[in-house]
């Protein structure tokens, strides 16, 4: 059972909410609610996945009040371009997000990734704020960065220097971030929903004590885009830590970006470093595997884990084979 969680920020909000950060927040909330977190985490080591969690992606509303959701642009080889499409290829390179209907068409194979520059040239699609949208969609709901002035003091000269630090993003009204959750049972689904309701009061991010990261939450059984039922490839909608076995199964048919994660525990101690593959990474799934990723232990005492399970989306891709 898969459902969507829509977060409507009520204050400054984190710029990014990757799946490992969300998983840690959900588990922390479950522990505060007295739910069995230890047994839930142990289940991942035993080969089960009580729930899968995507990273959070932006959404908003169009001019008619309809919800517009975005998905990360797939990490795929740059398509070959004609001289006429060269400028549109540069536009494609700067895009971070695909509007959900465009992503559904690409993931299902209705539209090829290499078609996008031509569709931009013919004005079927348009690019705004690093997002790709259908030309007919009017949307201006992307978040804006919020900075705060600080001062640094030179202890030798007592000179003061002002500098700016980005503290988060501000979302327009009726916009925010959403994630997907796939739960193995109704009991787990109930616990995850309870955790998000708890977090909506406590907040998300490192500055909840200052009132940042608060939000309203809405649950929906309607997924914002069509998940294809099958595909020779799979795209990750979460940060992903593959096992050696999985990596060897993919062969050379994989396109990914690597991110290094090293967090800080609640007691201020740094956790172990973990290398993860970013959202939008694409892999060949010809092995038929249905479960990808692992939960990595990054601290022994107290035990702390980093969530690296893939939230898989079947994906059709015909170009760029190596």
Protein backbone atom coordinates (compact mmCIF):
# COMPACT_ATOMS: atom_id res chain seq x y z
CA UNK A 1 0.00 0.00 0.00
CA UNK A 2 1.51 3.26 -1.22
CA UNK A 3 0.41 6.72 -0.19
CA UNK A 4 1.64 10.31 -0.48
CA UNK A 5 2.43 12.69 2.39
CA UNK A 6 2.08 16.41 1.60
CA UNK A 7 3.89 18.83 3.89
CA UNK A 8 2.65 22.45 3.90
CA UNK A 9 5.34 24.55 5.64
CA UNK A 10 4.18 27.14 8.17
CA UNK A 11 7.63 28.67 8.70
CA UNK A 12 11.15 28.57 7.27
CA UNK A 13 11.71 25.06 5.99
CA UNK A 14 14.77 22.95 5.11
CA UNK A 15 15.87 23.31 1.49
CA UNK A 16 16.24 19.52 1.15
CA UNK A 17 14.58 16.60 2.89
CA UNK A 18 16.33 13.49 1.54
CA UNK A 19 14.98 10.06 2.41
CA UNK A 20 17.62 9.30 5.07
CA UNK A 21 16.78 12.55 6.91
CA UNK A 22 13.04 11.83 6.73
CA UNK A 23 13.55 8.24 7.90
CA UNK A 24 15.53 9.43 10.93
CA UNK A 25 12.84 11.98 11.79
CA UNK A 26 10.04 9.41 11.42
CA UNK A 27 11.88 6.86 13.60
CA UNK A 28 12.61 9.53 16.23
CA UNK A 29 8.92 10.47 16.28
CA UNK A 30 7.92 6.81 16.59
CA UNK A 31 10.25 6.42 19.58
CA UNK A 32 8.70 9.48 21.24
CA UNK A 33 5.26 7.97 20.65
CA UNK A 34 6.33 4.69 22.31
CA UNK A 35 6.21 2.62 19.12
CA UNK A 36 8.58 -0.38 18.60
CA UNK A 37 11.35 1.35 16.61
CA UNK A 38 14.15 -1.12 17.45
CA UNK A 39 12.30 -4.12 16.05
CA UNK A 40 11.26 -2.11 13.00
CA UNK A 41 14.88 -1.19 12.17
CA UNK A 42 16.05 -4.76 12.84
CA UNK A 43 13.57 -5.98 10.22
CA UNK A 44 15.58 -4.28 7.44
CA UNK A 45 18.65 -6.33 8.39
CA UNK A 46 16.58 -9.52 8.21
CA UNK A 47 15.49 -8.88 4.62
CA UNK A 48 12.13 -7.22 5.25
CA UNK A 49 11.19 -3.62 4.50
CA UNK A 50 8.47 -2.50 6.91
CA UNK A 51 8.17 0.69 4.89
CA UNK A 52 9.96 2.40 2.01
CA UNK A 53 10.31 6.15 1.96
CA UNK A 54 11.15 8.49 -0.91
CA UNK A 55 12.90 11.80 -0.56
CA UNK A 56 10.69 14.89 -0.44
CA UNK A 57 10.03 16.83 -3.67
CA UNK A 58 8.37 20.22 -4.28
CA UNK A 59 4.74 20.80 -5.19
CA UNK A 60 2.43 23.79 -5.59
CA UNK A 61 -0.73 24.88 -7.38
CA UNK A 62 -1.36 26.28 -10.84
CA UNK A 63 -3.50 29.25 -11.82
CA UNK A 64 -6.67 27.13 -11.53
CA UNK A 65 -5.82 25.85 -8.04
CA UNK A 66 -4.78 22.38 -9.21
CA UNK A 67 -1.86 20.70 -7.49
CA UNK A 68 1.36 20.56 -9.53
CA UNK A 69 3.97 18.05 -8.35
CA UNK A 70 7.58 17.58 -9.39
CA UNK A 71 9.94 14.61 -9.63
CA UNK A 72 13.77 14.71 -9.90
CA UNK A 73 15.13 14.72 -13.44
CA UNK A 74 16.52 11.25 -14.25
CA UNK A 75 20.31 11.07 -14.28
CA UNK A 76 20.83 9.86 -17.85
CA UNK A 77 23.40 10.38 -20.62
CA UNK A 78 23.17 13.73 -22.39
CA UNK A 79 21.24 13.11 -25.64
CA UNK A 80 22.85 13.75 -28.99
CA UNK A 81 21.68 17.09 -30.31
CA UNK A 82 21.34 18.70 -33.66
CA UNK A 83 22.89 22.13 -34.11
CA UNK A 84 19.41 23.65 -33.89
CA UNK A 85 18.74 21.99 -30.53
CA UNK A 86 22.06 22.94 -28.93
CA UNK A 87 20.67 25.88 -26.93
CA UNK A 88 17.77 23.75 -25.67
CA UNK A 89 20.27 21.08 -24.61
CA UNK A 90 21.90 23.66 -22.34
CA UNK A 91 18.48 24.42 -20.89
CA UNK A 92 17.91 20.70 -20.25
CA UNK A 93 21.23 20.49 -18.42
CA UNK A 94 20.08 23.14 -15.92
CA UNK A 95 16.76 21.45 -15.16
CA UNK A 96 16.42 19.78 -11.73
CA UNK A 97 12.71 18.89 -11.71
CA UNK A 98 10.17 17.38 -14.10
CA UNK A 99 6.46 18.10 -13.75
CA UNK A 100 4.77 14.82 -12.80
CA UNK A 101 2.92 14.18 -16.09
CA UNK A 102 6.14 14.71 -18.06
CA UNK A 103 7.97 12.31 -15.76
CA UNK A 104 5.21 9.70 -16.16
CA UNK A 105 5.47 9.91 -19.96
CA UNK A 106 9.27 9.51 -19.84
CA UNK A 107 9.25 6.70 -17.25
CA UNK A 108 6.65 4.74 -19.26
CA UNK A 109 8.52 5.20 -22.54
CA UNK A 110 5.87 7.39 -24.20
CA UNK A 111 8.42 10.21 -24.49
CA UNK A 112 12.14 9.62 -24.88
CA UNK A 113 14.56 11.61 -22.74
CA UNK A 114 16.35 12.56 -25.96
CA UNK A 115 13.09 14.13 -27.26
CA UNK A 116 13.09 16.88 -24.62
CA UNK A 117 15.32 19.43 -26.45
CA UNK A 118 13.13 19.15 -29.54
CA UNK A 119 9.94 19.52 -27.46
CA UNK A 120 11.43 22.63 -25.85
CA UNK A 121 12.31 23.95 -29.32
CA UNK A 122 8.71 23.40 -30.50
CA UNK A 123 7.39 25.00 -27.30
CA UNK A 124 5.52 21.87 -26.15
CA UNK A 125 7.48 22.14 -22.88
CA UNK A 126 8.92 25.14 -21.08
CA UNK A 127 11.62 25.60 -18.45
CA UNK A 128 11.03 27.78 -15.39
CA UNK A 129 13.02 27.95 -12.15
CA UNK A 130 15.05 24.83 -13.02
CA UNK A 131 11.80 22.89 -13.67
CA UNK A 132 10.37 21.42 -16.88
CA UNK A 133 6.62 21.92 -17.37
CA UNK A 134 4.01 21.54 -20.11
CA UNK A 135 3.60 24.85 -21.93
CA UNK A 136 -0.05 25.08 -20.80
CA UNK A 137 0.71 24.91 -17.04
CA UNK A 138 0.92 28.26 -15.24
CA UNK A 139 3.02 27.79 -12.13
CA UNK A 140 5.11 30.05 -9.92
CA UNK A 141 5.20 28.16 -6.64
CA UNK A 142 8.88 27.24 -6.24
CA UNK A 143 10.40 28.16 -2.85
CA UNK A 144 12.73 31.12 -2.35
CA UNK A 145 15.84 31.15 -0.19
CA UNK A 146 15.84 33.14 3.03
CA UNK A 147 19.11 34.59 4.32
CA UNK A 148 20.01 36.14 7.64
CA UNK A 149 22.74 38.66 8.43
CA UNK A 150 25.50 37.62 10.85
CA UNK A 151 28.64 39.34 12.07
CA UNK A 152 32.10 37.90 12.52
CA UNK A 153 34.55 39.58 14.91
CA UNK A 154 38.31 39.71 14.36
CA UNK A 155 39.77 39.14 17.82
CA UNK A 156 43.03 40.96 16.98
CA UNK A 157 41.59 44.14 15.46
CA UNK A 158 38.05 44.00 16.89
CA UNK A 159 36.83 44.66 13.33
CA UNK A 160 33.32 43.44 12.56
CA UNK A 161 32.46 41.90 9.17
CA UNK A 162 28.90 41.21 8.05
CA UNK A 163 28.05 38.04 6.15
CA UNK A 164 24.89 36.31 5.02
CA UNK A 165 23.86 32.74 5.75
CA UNK A 166 21.01 30.86 4.09
CA UNK A 167 18.78 29.47 6.83
CA UNK A 168 16.09 27.75 4.80
CA UNK A 169 13.44 28.33 2.16
CA UNK A 170 10.04 30.00 2.17
CA UNK A 171 7.19 28.33 0.27
CA UNK A 172 4.28 30.27 -1.25
CA UNK A 173 0.79 29.53 0.02
CA UNK A 174 -0.62 26.10 -0.94
CA UNK A 175 2.80 24.75 -1.84
CA UNK A 176 5.40 22.65 -0.05
CA UNK A 177 7.07 19.25 -0.29
CA UNK A 178 5.73 15.73 -0.62
CA UNK A 179 7.11 12.22 -0.23
CA UNK A 180 5.88 8.71 -0.99
CA UNK A 181 5.57 5.88 1.52
CA UNK A 182 5.07 2.19 0.79
CA UNK A 183 4.06 0.24 3.91
CA UNK A 184 4.02 -3.54 4.20
CA UNK A 185 0.95 -3.60 6.48
CA UNK A 186 -1.90 -1.44 7.74
CA UNK A 187 -0.28 -1.38 11.18
CA UNK A 188 2.98 0.06 9.82
CA UNK A 189 1.05 2.56 7.71
CA UNK A 190 -0.83 3.72 10.81
CA UNK A 191 2.43 4.17 12.74
CA UNK A 192 4.08 6.15 9.92
CA UNK A 193 1.07 8.45 9.62
CA UNK A 194 1.11 8.99 13.39
CA UNK A 195 4.81 9.90 13.20
CA UNK A 196 4.19 12.54 10.52
CA UNK A 197 1.34 14.02 12.54
CA UNK A 198 3.68 14.22 15.54
CA UNK A 199 6.39 15.85 13.40
CA UNK A 200 3.94 18.45 12.07
CA UNK A 201 3.76 19.84 15.61
CA UNK A 202 7.44 19.40 16.52
CA UNK A 203 8.90 20.42 13.16
CA UNK A 204 11.63 19.15 10.83
CA UNK A 205 15.26 20.19 10.60
CA UNK A 206 17.97 21.34 12.97
CA UNK A 207 16.31 24.58 14.12
CA UNK A 208 12.96 23.35 15.40
CA UNK A 209 13.68 24.99 18.78
CA UNK A 210 13.61 28.36 16.95
CA UNK A 211 10.24 27.65 15.35
CA UNK A 212 11.62 26.56 11.99
CA UNK A 213 10.39 23.48 10.13
CA UNK A 214 6.77 23.44 11.28
CA UNK A 215 4.15 22.29 8.79
CA UNK A 216 0.62 21.05 8.22
CA UNK A 217 0.30 17.53 6.86
CA UNK A 218 -2.11 15.90 4.41
CA UNK A 219 -2.23 12.23 3.42
CA UNK A 220 -3.46 11.00 0.05
CA UNK A 221 -3.95 7.54 -1.40
CA UNK A 222 -3.60 9.12 -4.86
CA UNK A 223 0.02 9.13 -6.01
CA UNK A 224 0.96 12.42 -7.78
CA UNK A 225 2.23 10.58 -10.85
CA UNK A 226 1.73 7.22 -12.54
CA UNK A 227 4.20 4.56 -11.38
CA UNK A 228 4.77 2.26 -14.39
CA UNK A 229 3.99 -1.38 -13.65
CA UNK A 230 7.19 -2.62 -15.28
CA UNK A 231 10.38 -1.52 -16.97
CA UNK A 232 13.80 -2.87 -17.85
CA UNK A 233 15.35 -0.11 -15.77
CA UNK A 234 14.59 1.29 -12.34
CA UNK A 235 14.98 4.86 -11.09
CA UNK A 236 15.52 5.63 -7.43
CA UNK A 237 13.22 8.18 -5.79
CA UNK A 238 15.36 8.09 -2.63
CA UNK A 239 18.98 8.16 -1.64
CA UNK A 240 20.29 4.65 -2.15
CA UNK A 241 23.13 2.53 -0.74
CA UNK A 242 23.52 -0.58 -2.96
CA UNK A 243 25.06 -3.81 -1.78
CA UNK A 244 28.05 -5.18 -3.70
CA UNK A 245 25.77 -7.88 -5.14
CA UNK A 246 23.31 -5.33 -6.47
CA UNK A 247 26.06 -3.20 -7.98
CA UNK A 248 27.47 -6.16 -9.87
CA UNK A 249 24.01 -7.09 -11.19
CA UNK A 250 23.57 -3.66 -12.78
CA UNK A 251 26.62 -4.15 -14.97
CA UNK A 252 27.54 -1.03 -16.91
CA UNK A 253 23.95 0.05 -17.53
CA UNK A 254 23.70 2.56 -14.70
CA UNK A 255 23.83 6.34 -14.40
CA UNK A 256 24.13 7.94 -11.01
CA UNK A 257 25.52 10.75 -8.88
CA UNK A 258 27.22 10.09 -5.57
CA UNK A 259 26.63 12.06 -2.37
CA UNK A 260 28.59 11.78 0.85
CA UNK A 261 26.54 11.85 4.04
CA UNK A 262 27.98 12.40 7.48
CA UNK A 263 25.52 13.58 10.08
CA UNK A 264 25.66 14.59 13.73
CA UNK A 265 23.83 12.68 16.46
CA UNK A 266 21.59 14.40 18.98
CA UNK A 267 24.45 14.35 21.54
CA UNK A 268 26.72 16.28 19.14
CA UNK A 269 28.90 13.31 18.14
CA UNK A 270 29.65 12.86 14.44
CA UNK A 271 28.43 9.69 12.80
CA UNK A 272 30.27 7.48 10.33
CA UNK A 273 30.55 8.62 6.72
CA UNK A 274 28.26 6.95 4.15
CA UNK A 275 28.36 7.32 0.37
CA UNK A 276 24.90 7.28 -1.19
CA UNK A 277 23.57 7.45 -4.74
CA UNK A 278 21.34 10.44 -5.36
CA UNK A 279 17.67 10.55 -6.23
CA UNK A 280 17.16 10.20 -9.98
CA UNK A 281 19.88 7.55 -10.40
CA UNK A 282 18.91 4.95 -13.02
CA UNK A 283 19.93 1.27 -13.08
CA UNK A 284 19.28 -1.77 -15.24
CA UNK A 285 16.94 -4.11 -13.34
CA UNK A 286 17.05 -7.14 -15.61
CA UNK A 287 17.77 -9.42 -12.60
CA UNK A 288 14.13 -9.09 -11.50
CA UNK A 289 15.12 -7.96 -8.01
CA UNK A 290 12.28 -6.17 -6.17
CA UNK A 291 14.18 -4.93 -3.11
CA UNK A 292 17.19 -2.63 -3.39
CA UNK A 293 19.46 -1.09 -0.80
CA UNK A 294 20.33 -1.50 2.85
CA UNK A 295 20.29 0.24 6.18
CA UNK A 296 23.85 1.07 7.28
CA UNK A 297 24.94 1.14 10.92
CA UNK A 298 26.99 4.32 11.42
CA UNK A 299 27.38 4.28 15.20
CA UNK A 300 27.47 1.47 17.72
CA UNK A 301 26.83 3.19 21.05
CA UNK A 302 24.14 4.29 21.02
CA UNK A 303 23.18 2.36 17.86
CA UNK A 304 22.49 4.71 14.95
CA UNK A 305 21.68 3.76 11.34
CA UNK A 306 21.59 5.57 8.01
CA UNK A 307 18.66 4.68 5.75
CA UNK A 308 19.79 3.64 2.26
CA UNK A 309 16.81 1.73 0.85
CA UNK A 310 15.75 2.52 -2.71
CA UNK A 311 12.22 3.68 -3.43
CA UNK A 312 12.10 2.13 -6.91
CA UNK A 313 10.21 3.43 -9.92
CA UNK A 314 10.16 1.17 -13.02
CA UNK A 315 11.67 3.04 -15.93
CA UNK A 316 11.87 2.58 -19.70
CA UNK A 317 15.03 3.91 -21.34
CA UNK A 318 16.09 3.01 -24.86
CA UNK A 319 19.03 5.31 -25.51
CA UNK A 320 22.60 5.61 -24.42
CA UNK A 321 23.44 1.94 -23.81
CA UNK A 322 27.14 1.37 -23.22
